[in-house]
Amino acid sequence: MAKHRNLLNASLRDRFKYEVAEGLGLTSAIENKGWADMPTKDLGRIGGTIGGNMVKVMIRHAEASLSDAPKSTEKPLF
């Protein structure tokens, strides 16, 4: 059995899930029912979208965190 490693911390993963759910218009249903009682079809939409758009979202968050970080004085390697 393959060992599953979480590359993102739990709060960041949750933020991604809620961001995707909001984009799909599912936040009110999640708030009313909770994640455990959501239909598999809706959760699959969220998971599929996360898988398909995870890189875009991660890049956006990385760019935001880099813009908040202090500027480096090192020259680029290339």
PDB file of N, CA and C in Angstrom:
ATOM      1  N   MET A   1       0.838  -1.188   0.000  1.00  0.00           N
ATOM      2  CA  MET A   1       0.000   0.000   0.000  1.00  0.00           C
ATOM      3  C   MET A   1       0.879   1.246   0.000  1.00  0.00           C
ATOM      4  N   ALA A   2       0.569   2.175  -0.848  1.00  0.00           N
ATOM      5  CA  ALA A   2       1.351   3.400  -0.959  1.00  0.00           C
ATOM      6  C   ALA A   2       1.126   4.289   0.249  1.00  0.00           C
ATOM      7  N   LYS A   3       2.191   4.924   0.672  1.00  0.00           N
ATOM      8  CA  LYS A   3       2.094   5.843   1.798  1.00  0.00           C
ATOM      9  C   LYS A   3       1.596   7.188   1.291  1.00  0.00           C
ATOM     10  N   HIS A   4       0.538   7.681   1.931  1.00  0.00           N
ATOM     11  CA  HIS A   4      -0.064   8.957   1.527  1.00  0.00           C
ATOM     12  C   HIS A   4       0.552  10.067   2.356  1.00  0.00           C
ATOM     13  N   ARG A   5       1.129  11.047   1.679  1.00  0.00           N
ATOM     14  CA  ARG A   5       1.710  12.192   2.379  1.00  0.00           C
ATOM     15  C   ARG A   5       0.902  13.438   2.069  1.00  0.00           C
ATOM     16  N   ASN A   6       0.615  14.197   3.088  1.00  0.00           N
ATOM     17  CA  ASN A   6      -0.079  15.475   2.905  1.00  0.00           C
ATOM     18  C   ASN A   6       0.959  16.553   2.655  1.00  0.00           C
ATOM     19  N   LEU A   7       0.915  17.129   1.480  1.00  0.00           N
ATOM     20  CA  LEU A   7       1.867  18.168   1.131  1.00  0.00           C
ATOM     21  C   LEU A   7       1.442  19.536   1.632  1.00  0.00           C
ATOM     22  N   LEU A   8       0.153  19.686   1.923  1.00  0.00           N
ATOM     23  CA  LEU A   8      -0.372  20.953   2.409  1.00  0.00           C
ATOM     24  C   LEU A   8      -0.912  20.756   3.820  1.00  0.00           C
ATOM     25  N   ASN A   9      -0.780  21.787   4.637  1.00  0.00           N
ATOM     26  CA  ASN A   9      -1.340  21.656   5.983  1.00  0.00           C
ATOM     27  C   ASN A   9      -2.870  21.694   5.925  1.00  0.00           C
ATOM     28  N   ALA A  10      -3.490  21.229   6.981  1.00  0.00           N
ATOM     29  CA  ALA A  10      -4.950  21.054   6.996  1.00  0.00           C
ATOM     30  C   ALA A  10      -5.697  22.363   6.756  1.00  0.00           C
ATOM     31  N   SER A  11      -5.255  23.460   7.339  1.00  0.00           N
ATOM     32  CA  SER A  11      -5.982  24.717   7.171  1.00  0.00           C
ATOM     33  C   SER A  11      -5.917  25.204   5.725  1.00  0.00           C
ATOM     34  N   LEU A  12      -4.794  24.990   5.054  1.00  0.00           N
ATOM     35  CA  LEU A  12      -4.676  25.395   3.658  1.00  0.00           C
ATOM     36  C   LEU A  12      -5.550  24.519   2.769  1.00  0.00           C
ATOM     37  N   ARG A  13      -5.591  23.217   3.043  1.00  0.00           N
ATOM     38  CA  ARG A  13      -6.465  22.323   2.285  1.00  0.00           C
ATOM     39  C   ARG A  13      -7.926  22.712   2.469  1.00  0.00           C
ATOM     40  N   ASP A  14      -8.324  23.027   3.704  1.00  0.00           N
ATOM     41  CA  ASP A  14      -9.702  23.443   3.958  1.00  0.00           C
ATOM     42  C   ASP A  14     -10.037  24.734   3.220  1.00  0.00           C
ATOM     43  N   ARG A  15      -9.091  25.646   3.200  1.00  0.00           N
ATOM     44  CA  ARG A  15      -9.316  26.909   2.493  1.00  0.00           C
ATOM     45  C   ARG A  15      -9.540  26.656   1.003  1.00  0.00           C
ATOM     46  N   PHE A  16      -8.758  25.735   0.422  1.00  0.00           N
ATOM     47  CA  PHE A  16      -8.955  25.373  -0.981  1.00  0.00           C
ATOM     48  C   PHE A  16     -10.328  24.775  -1.193  1.00  0.00           C
ATOM     49  N   LYS A  17     -10.728  23.865  -0.305  1.00  0.00           N
ATOM     50  CA  LYS A  17     -12.037  23.218  -0.451  1.00  0.00           C
ATOM     51  C   LYS A  17     -13.160  24.246  -0.416  1.00  0.00           C
ATOM     52  N   TYR A  18     -13.107  25.164   0.547  1.00  0.00           N
ATOM     53  CA  TYR A  18     -14.164  26.170   0.658  1.00  0.00           C
ATOM     54  C   TYR A  18     -14.147  27.135  -0.523  1.00  0.00           C
ATOM     55  N   GLU A  19     -12.958  27.467  -1.016  1.00  0.00           N
ATOM     56  CA  GLU A  19     -12.870  28.369  -2.169  1.00  0.00           C
ATOM     57  C   GLU A  19     -13.515  27.718  -3.392  1.00  0.00           C
ATOM     58  N   VAL A  20     -13.237  26.443  -3.612  1.00  0.00           N
ATOM     59  CA  VAL A  20     -13.827  25.733  -4.748  1.00  0.00           C
ATOM     60  C   VAL A  20     -15.328  25.571  -4.546  1.00  0.00           C
ATOM     61  N   ALA A  21     -15.745  25.211  -3.328  1.00  0.00           N
ATOM     62  CA  ALA A  21     -17.175  25.047  -3.040  1.00  0.00           C
ATOM     63  C   ALA A  21     -17.925  26.346  -3.280  1.00  0.00           C
ATOM     64  N   GLU A  22     -17.315  27.459  -2.914  1.00  0.00           N
ATOM     65  CA  GLU A  22     -17.947  28.760  -3.145  1.00  0.00           C
ATOM     66  C   GLU A  22     -18.095  29.014  -4.638  1.00  0.00           C
ATOM     67  N   GLY A  23     -17.068  28.690  -5.410  1.00  0.00           N
ATOM     68  CA  GLY A  23     -17.127  28.873  -6.851  1.00  0.00           C
ATOM     69  C   GLY A  23     -18.202  28.017  -7.509  1.00  0.00           C
ATOM     70  N   LEU A  24     -18.502  26.856  -6.905  1.00  0.00           N
ATOM     71  CA  LEU A  24     -19.526  25.966  -7.432  1.00  0.00           C
ATOM     72  C   LEU A  24     -20.912  26.261  -6.852  1.00  0.00           C
ATOM     73  N   GLY A  25     -20.990  27.237  -5.956  1.00  0.00           N
ATOM     74  CA  GLY A  25     -22.270  27.597  -5.352  1.00  0.00           C
ATOM     75  C   GLY A  25     -22.758  26.593  -4.308  1.00  0.00           C
ATOM     76  N   LEU A  26     -21.835  25.923  -3.626  1.00  0.00           N
ATOM     77  CA  LEU A  26     -22.214  24.885  -2.664  1.00  0.00           C
ATOM     78  C   LEU A  26     -22.018  25.285  -1.203  1.00  0.00           C
ATOM     79  N   THR A  27     -21.578  26.496  -0.932  1.00  0.00           N
ATOM     80  CA  THR A  27     -21.267  26.861   0.449  1.00  0.00           C
ATOM     81  C   THR A  27     -22.492  26.847   1.359  1.00  0.00           C
ATOM     82  N   SER A  28     -23.637  27.302   0.873  1.00  0.00           N
ATOM     83  CA  SER A  28     -24.822  27.302   1.737  1.00  0.00           C
ATOM     84  C   SER A  28     -25.249  25.879   2.077  1.00  0.00           C
ATOM     85  N   ALA A  29     -25.155  24.964   1.115  1.00  0.00           N
ATOM     86  CA  ALA A  29     -25.503  23.565   1.382  1.00  0.00           C
ATOM     87  C   ALA A  29     -24.532  22.952   2.384  1.00  0.00           C
ATOM     88  N   ILE A  30     -23.254  23.281   2.276  1.00  0.00           N
ATOM     89  CA  ILE A  30     -22.255  22.759   3.219  1.00  0.00           C
ATOM     90  C   ILE A  30     -22.513  23.304   4.611  1.00  0.00           C
ATOM     91  N   GLU A  31     -22.842  24.585   4.704  1.00  0.00           N
ATOM     92  CA  GLU A  31     -23.135  25.183   6.014  1.00  0.00           C
ATOM     93  C   GLU A  31     -24.383  24.568   6.637  1.00  0.00           C
ATOM     94  N   ASN A  32     -25.394  24.255   5.817  1.00  0.00           N
ATOM     95  CA  ASN A  32     -26.640  23.679   6.339  1.00  0.00           C
ATOM     96  C   ASN A  32     -26.502  22.205   6.689  1.00  0.00           C
ATOM     97  N   LYS A  33     -25.851  21.430   5.826  1.00  0.00           N
ATOM     98  CA  LYS A  33     -25.764  19.977   6.006  1.00  0.00           C
ATOM     99  C   LYS A  33     -24.483  19.523   6.691  1.00  0.00           C
ATOM    100  N   GLY A  34     -23.399  20.243   6.452  1.00  0.00           N
ATOM    101  CA  GLY A  34     -22.085  19.786   6.901  1.00  0.00           C
ATOM    102  C   GLY A  34     -21.464  18.901   5.836  1.00  0.00           C
ATOM    103  N   TRP A  35     -20.151  18.756   5.881  1.00  0.00           N
ATOM    104  CA  TRP A  35     -19.446  17.975   4.873  1.00  0.00           C
ATOM    105  C   TRP A  35     -19.911  16.523   4.861  1.00  0.00           C
ATOM    106  N   ALA A  36     -20.164  15.940   6.023  1.00  0.00           N
ATOM    107  CA  ALA A  36     -20.506  14.514   6.115  1.00  0.00           C
ATOM    108  C   ALA A  36     -21.823  14.171   5.430  1.00  0.00           C
ATOM    109  N   ASP A  37     -22.758  15.101   5.356  1.00  0.00           N
ATOM    110  CA  ASP A  37     -24.063  14.825   4.772  1.00  0.00           C
ATOM    111  C   ASP A  37     -24.239  15.362   3.352  1.00  0.00           C
ATOM    112  N   MET A  38     -23.155  15.822   2.765  1.00  0.00           N
ATOM    113  CA  MET A  38     -23.223  16.310   1.383  1.00  0.00           C
ATOM    114  C   MET A  38     -23.302  15.123   0.427  1.00  0.00           C
ATOM    115  N   PRO A  39     -24.072  15.248  -0.652  1.00  0.00           N
ATOM    116  CA  PRO A  39     -24.145  14.167  -1.643  1.00  0.00           C
ATOM    117  C   PRO A  39     -22.776  13.921  -2.295  1.00  0.00           C
ATOM    118  N   THR A  40     -22.519  12.673  -2.601  1.00  0.00           N
ATOM    119  CA  THR A  40     -21.255  12.289  -3.225  1.00  0.00           C
ATOM    120  C   THR A  40     -21.037  13.034  -4.533  1.00  0.00           C
ATOM    121  N   LYS A  41     -22.096  13.257  -5.269  1.00  0.00           N
ATOM    122  CA  LYS A  41     -21.999  13.975  -6.545  1.00  0.00           C
ATOM    123  C   LYS A  41     -21.398  15.363  -6.346  1.00  0.00           C
ATOM    124  N   ASP A  42     -21.876  16.083  -5.340  1.00  0.00           N
ATOM    125  CA  ASP A  42     -21.362  17.427  -5.075  1.00  0.00           C
ATOM    126  C   ASP A  42     -19.929  17.391  -4.577  1.00  0.00           C
ATOM    127  N   LEU A  43     -19.625  16.433  -3.693  1.00  0.00           N
ATOM    128  CA  LEU A  43     -18.259  16.327  -3.187  1.00  0.00           C
ATOM    129  C   LEU A  43     -17.296  15.951  -4.306  1.00  0.00           C
ATOM    130  N   GLY A  44     -17.765  15.124  -5.245  1.00  0.00           N
ATOM    131  CA  GLY A  44     -16.946  14.776  -6.401  1.00  0.00           C
ATOM    132  C   GLY A  44     -16.662  15.976  -7.280  1.00  0.00           C
ATOM    133  N   ARG A  45     -17.630  16.856  -7.400  1.00  0.00           N
ATOM    134  CA  ARG A  45     -17.415  18.095  -8.164  1.00  0.00           C
ATOM    135  C   ARG A  45     -16.332  18.938  -7.509  1.00  0.00           C
ATOM    136  N   ILE A  46     -16.376  19.001  -6.180  1.00  0.00           N
ATOM    137  CA  ILE A  46     -15.373  19.777  -5.455  1.00  0.00           C
ATOM    138  C   ILE A  46     -13.999  19.137  -5.634  1.00  0.00           C
ATOM    139  N   GLY A  47     -13.927  17.814  -5.411  1.00  0.00           N
ATOM    140  CA  GLY A  47     -12.646  17.113  -5.534  1.00  0.00           C
ATOM    141  C   GLY A  47     -12.072  17.174  -6.932  1.00  0.00           C
ATOM    142  N   GLY A  48     -12.925  17.031  -7.936  1.00  0.00           N
ATOM    143  CA  GLY A  48     -12.449  17.103  -9.312  1.00  0.00           C
ATOM    144  C   GLY A  48     -11.936  18.481  -9.661  1.00  0.00           C
ATOM    145  N   THR A  49     -12.621  19.487  -9.174  1.00  0.00           N
ATOM    146  CA  THR A  49     -12.198  20.859  -9.435  1.00  0.00           C
ATOM    147  C   THR A  49     -10.900  21.167  -8.710  1.00  0.00           C
ATOM    148  N   ILE A  50     -10.778  20.659  -7.483  1.00  0.00           N
ATOM    149  CA  ILE A  50      -9.533  20.874  -6.740  1.00  0.00           C
ATOM    150  C   ILE A  50      -8.378  20.234  -7.488  1.00  0.00           C
ATOM    151  N   GLY A  51      -8.570  19.000  -7.929  1.00  0.00           N
ATOM    152  CA  GLY A  51      -7.511  18.322  -8.661  1.00  0.00           C
ATOM    153  C   GLY A  51      -7.156  19.044  -9.942  1.00  0.00           C
ATOM    154  N   GLY A  52      -8.154  19.545 -10.628  1.00  0.00           N
ATOM    155  CA  GLY A  52      -7.915  20.229 -11.893  1.00  0.00           C
ATOM    156  C   GLY A  52      -7.350  21.621 -11.739  1.00  0.00           C
ATOM    157  N   ASN A  53      -7.701  22.294 -10.677  1.00  0.00           N
ATOM    158  CA  ASN A  53      -7.289  23.690 -10.502  1.00  0.00           C
ATOM    159  C   ASN A  53      -6.314  23.895  -9.349  1.00  0.00           C
ATOM    160  N   MET A  54      -5.882  22.827  -8.703  1.00  0.00           N
ATOM    161  CA  MET A  54      -5.026  22.955  -7.529  1.00  0.00           C
ATOM    162  C   MET A  54      -3.766  23.752  -7.845  1.00  0.00           C
ATOM    163  N   VAL A  55      -3.165  23.500  -8.974  1.00  0.00           N
ATOM    164  CA  VAL A  55      -1.930  24.201  -9.315  1.00  0.00           C
ATOM    165  C   VAL A  55      -2.179  25.691  -9.458  1.00  0.00           C
ATOM    166  N   LYS A  56      -3.259  26.077 -10.117  1.00  0.00           N
ATOM    167  CA  LYS A  56      -3.576  27.495 -10.279  1.00  0.00           C
ATOM    168  C   LYS A  56      -3.779  28.173  -8.929  1.00  0.00           C
ATOM    169  N   VAL A  57      -4.516  27.511  -8.051  1.00  0.00           N
ATOM    170  CA  VAL A  57      -4.797  28.092  -6.736  1.00  0.00           C
ATOM    171  C   VAL A  57      -3.511  28.174  -5.915  1.00  0.00           C
ATOM    172  N   MET A  58      -2.697  27.119  -5.968  1.00  0.00           N
ATOM    173  CA  MET A  58      -1.441  27.130  -5.211  1.00  0.00           C
ATOM    174  C   MET A  58      -0.511  28.225  -5.715  1.00  0.00           C
ATOM    175  N   ILE A  59      -0.467  28.428  -7.024  1.00  0.00           N
ATOM    176  CA  ILE A  59       0.374  29.491  -7.573  1.00  0.00           C
ATOM    177  C   ILE A  59      -0.118  30.853  -7.106  1.00  0.00           C
ATOM    178  N   ARG A  60      -1.432  31.062  -7.115  1.00  0.00           N
ATOM    179  CA  ARG A  60      -1.988  32.337  -6.663  1.00  0.00           C
ATOM    180  C   ARG A  60      -1.636  32.605  -5.201  1.00  0.00           C
ATOM    181  N   HIS A  61      -1.759  31.581  -4.352  1.00  0.00           N
ATOM    182  CA  HIS A  61      -1.426  31.757  -2.934  1.00  0.00           C
ATOM    183  C   HIS A  61       0.076  31.964  -2.740  1.00  0.00           C
ATOM    184  N   ALA A  62       0.889  31.256  -3.518  1.00  0.00           N
ATOM    185  CA  ALA A  62       2.340  31.434  -3.413  1.00  0.00           C
ATOM    186  C   ALA A  62       2.740  32.845  -3.844  1.00  0.00           C
ATOM    187  N   GLU A  63       2.143  33.323  -4.925  1.00  0.00           N
ATOM    188  CA  GLU A  63       2.445  34.683  -5.374  1.00  0.00           C
ATOM    189  C   GLU A  63       2.036  35.711  -4.337  1.00  0.00           C
ATOM    190  N   ALA A  64       0.890  35.482  -3.693  1.00  0.00           N
ATOM    191  CA  ALA A  64       0.439  36.415  -2.657  1.00  0.00           C
ATOM    192  C   ALA A  64       1.395  36.408  -1.475  1.00  0.00           C
ATOM    193  N   SER A  65       1.843  35.224  -1.077  1.00  0.00           N
ATOM    194  CA  SER A  65       2.755  35.162   0.069  1.00  0.00           C
ATOM    195  C   SER A  65       4.116  35.741  -0.290  1.00  0.00           C
ATOM    196  N   LEU A  66       4.541  35.568  -1.540  1.00  0.00           N
ATOM    197  CA  LEU A  66       5.816  36.149  -1.966  1.00  0.00           C
ATOM    198  C   LEU A  66       5.734  37.669  -2.043  1.00  0.00           C
ATOM    199  N   SER A  67       4.602  38.193  -2.426  1.00  0.00           N
ATOM    200  CA  SER A  67       4.479  39.647  -2.498  1.00  0.00           C
ATOM    201  C   SER A  67       4.485  40.268  -1.107  1.00  0.00           C
ATOM    202  N   ASP A  68       4.093  39.486  -0.089  1.00  0.00           N
ATOM    203  CA  ASP A  68       4.120  39.967   1.289  1.00  0.00           C
ATOM    204  C   ASP A  68       5.489  39.788   1.938  1.00  0.00           C
ATOM    205  N   ALA A  69       6.332  38.918   1.353  1.00  0.00           N
ATOM    206  CA  ALA A  69       7.646  38.636   1.932  1.00  0.00           C
ATOM    207  C   ALA A  69       8.604  39.782   1.639  1.00  0.00           C
ATOM    208  N   PRO A  70       9.611  39.965   2.506  1.00  0.00           N
ATOM    209  CA  PRO A  70      10.608  41.005   2.235  1.00  0.00           C
ATOM    210  C   PRO A  70      11.381  40.679   0.960  1.00  0.00           C
ATOM    211  N   LYS A  71      11.754  41.700   0.224  1.00  0.00           N
ATOM    212  CA  LYS A  71      12.454  41.525  -1.037  1.00  0.00           C
ATOM    213  C   LYS A  71      13.884  41.047  -0.787  1.00  0.00           C
ATOM    214  N   SER A  72      14.337  40.108  -1.607  1.00  0.00           N
ATOM    215  CA  SER A  72      15.688  39.579  -1.520  1.00  0.00           C
ATOM    216  C   SER A  72      16.632  40.477  -2.300  1.00  0.00           C
ATOM    217  N   THR A  73      17.874  40.587  -1.826  1.00  0.00           N
ATOM    218  CA  THR A  73      18.866  41.383  -2.522  1.00  0.00           C
ATOM    219  C   THR A  73      19.739  40.514  -3.418  1.00  0.00           C
ATOM    220  N   GLU A  74      19.489  39.195  -3.423  1.00  0.00           N
ATOM    221  CA  GLU A  74      20.283  38.292  -4.248  1.00  0.00           C
ATOM    222  C   GLU A  74      19.887  38.440  -5.710  1.00  0.00           C
ATOM    223  N   LYS A  75      20.869  38.232  -6.603  1.00  0.00           N
ATOM    224  CA  LYS A  75      20.605  38.277  -8.029  1.00  0.00           C
ATOM    225  C   LYS A  75      19.988  36.955  -8.458  1.00  0.00           C
ATOM    226  N   PRO A  76      19.121  36.963  -9.463  1.00  0.00           N
ATOM    227  CA  PRO A  76      18.563  35.710  -9.959  1.00  0.00           C
ATOM    228  C   PRO A  76      19.649  34.831 -10.564  1.00  0.00           C
ATOM    229  N   LEU A  77      19.434  33.518 -10.541  1.00  0.00           N
ATOM    230  CA  LEU A  77      20.415  32.583 -11.072  1.00  0.00           C
ATOM    231  C   LEU A  77      20.455  32.592 -12.590  1.00  0.00           C
ATOM    232  N   PHE A  78      19.372  32.964 -13.243  1.00  0.00           N
ATOM    233  CA  PHE A  78      19.310  32.918 -14.710  1.00  0.00           C
ATOM    234  C   PHE A  78      19.172  34.285 -15.285  1.00  0.00           C
TER     235      PHE A  78
END
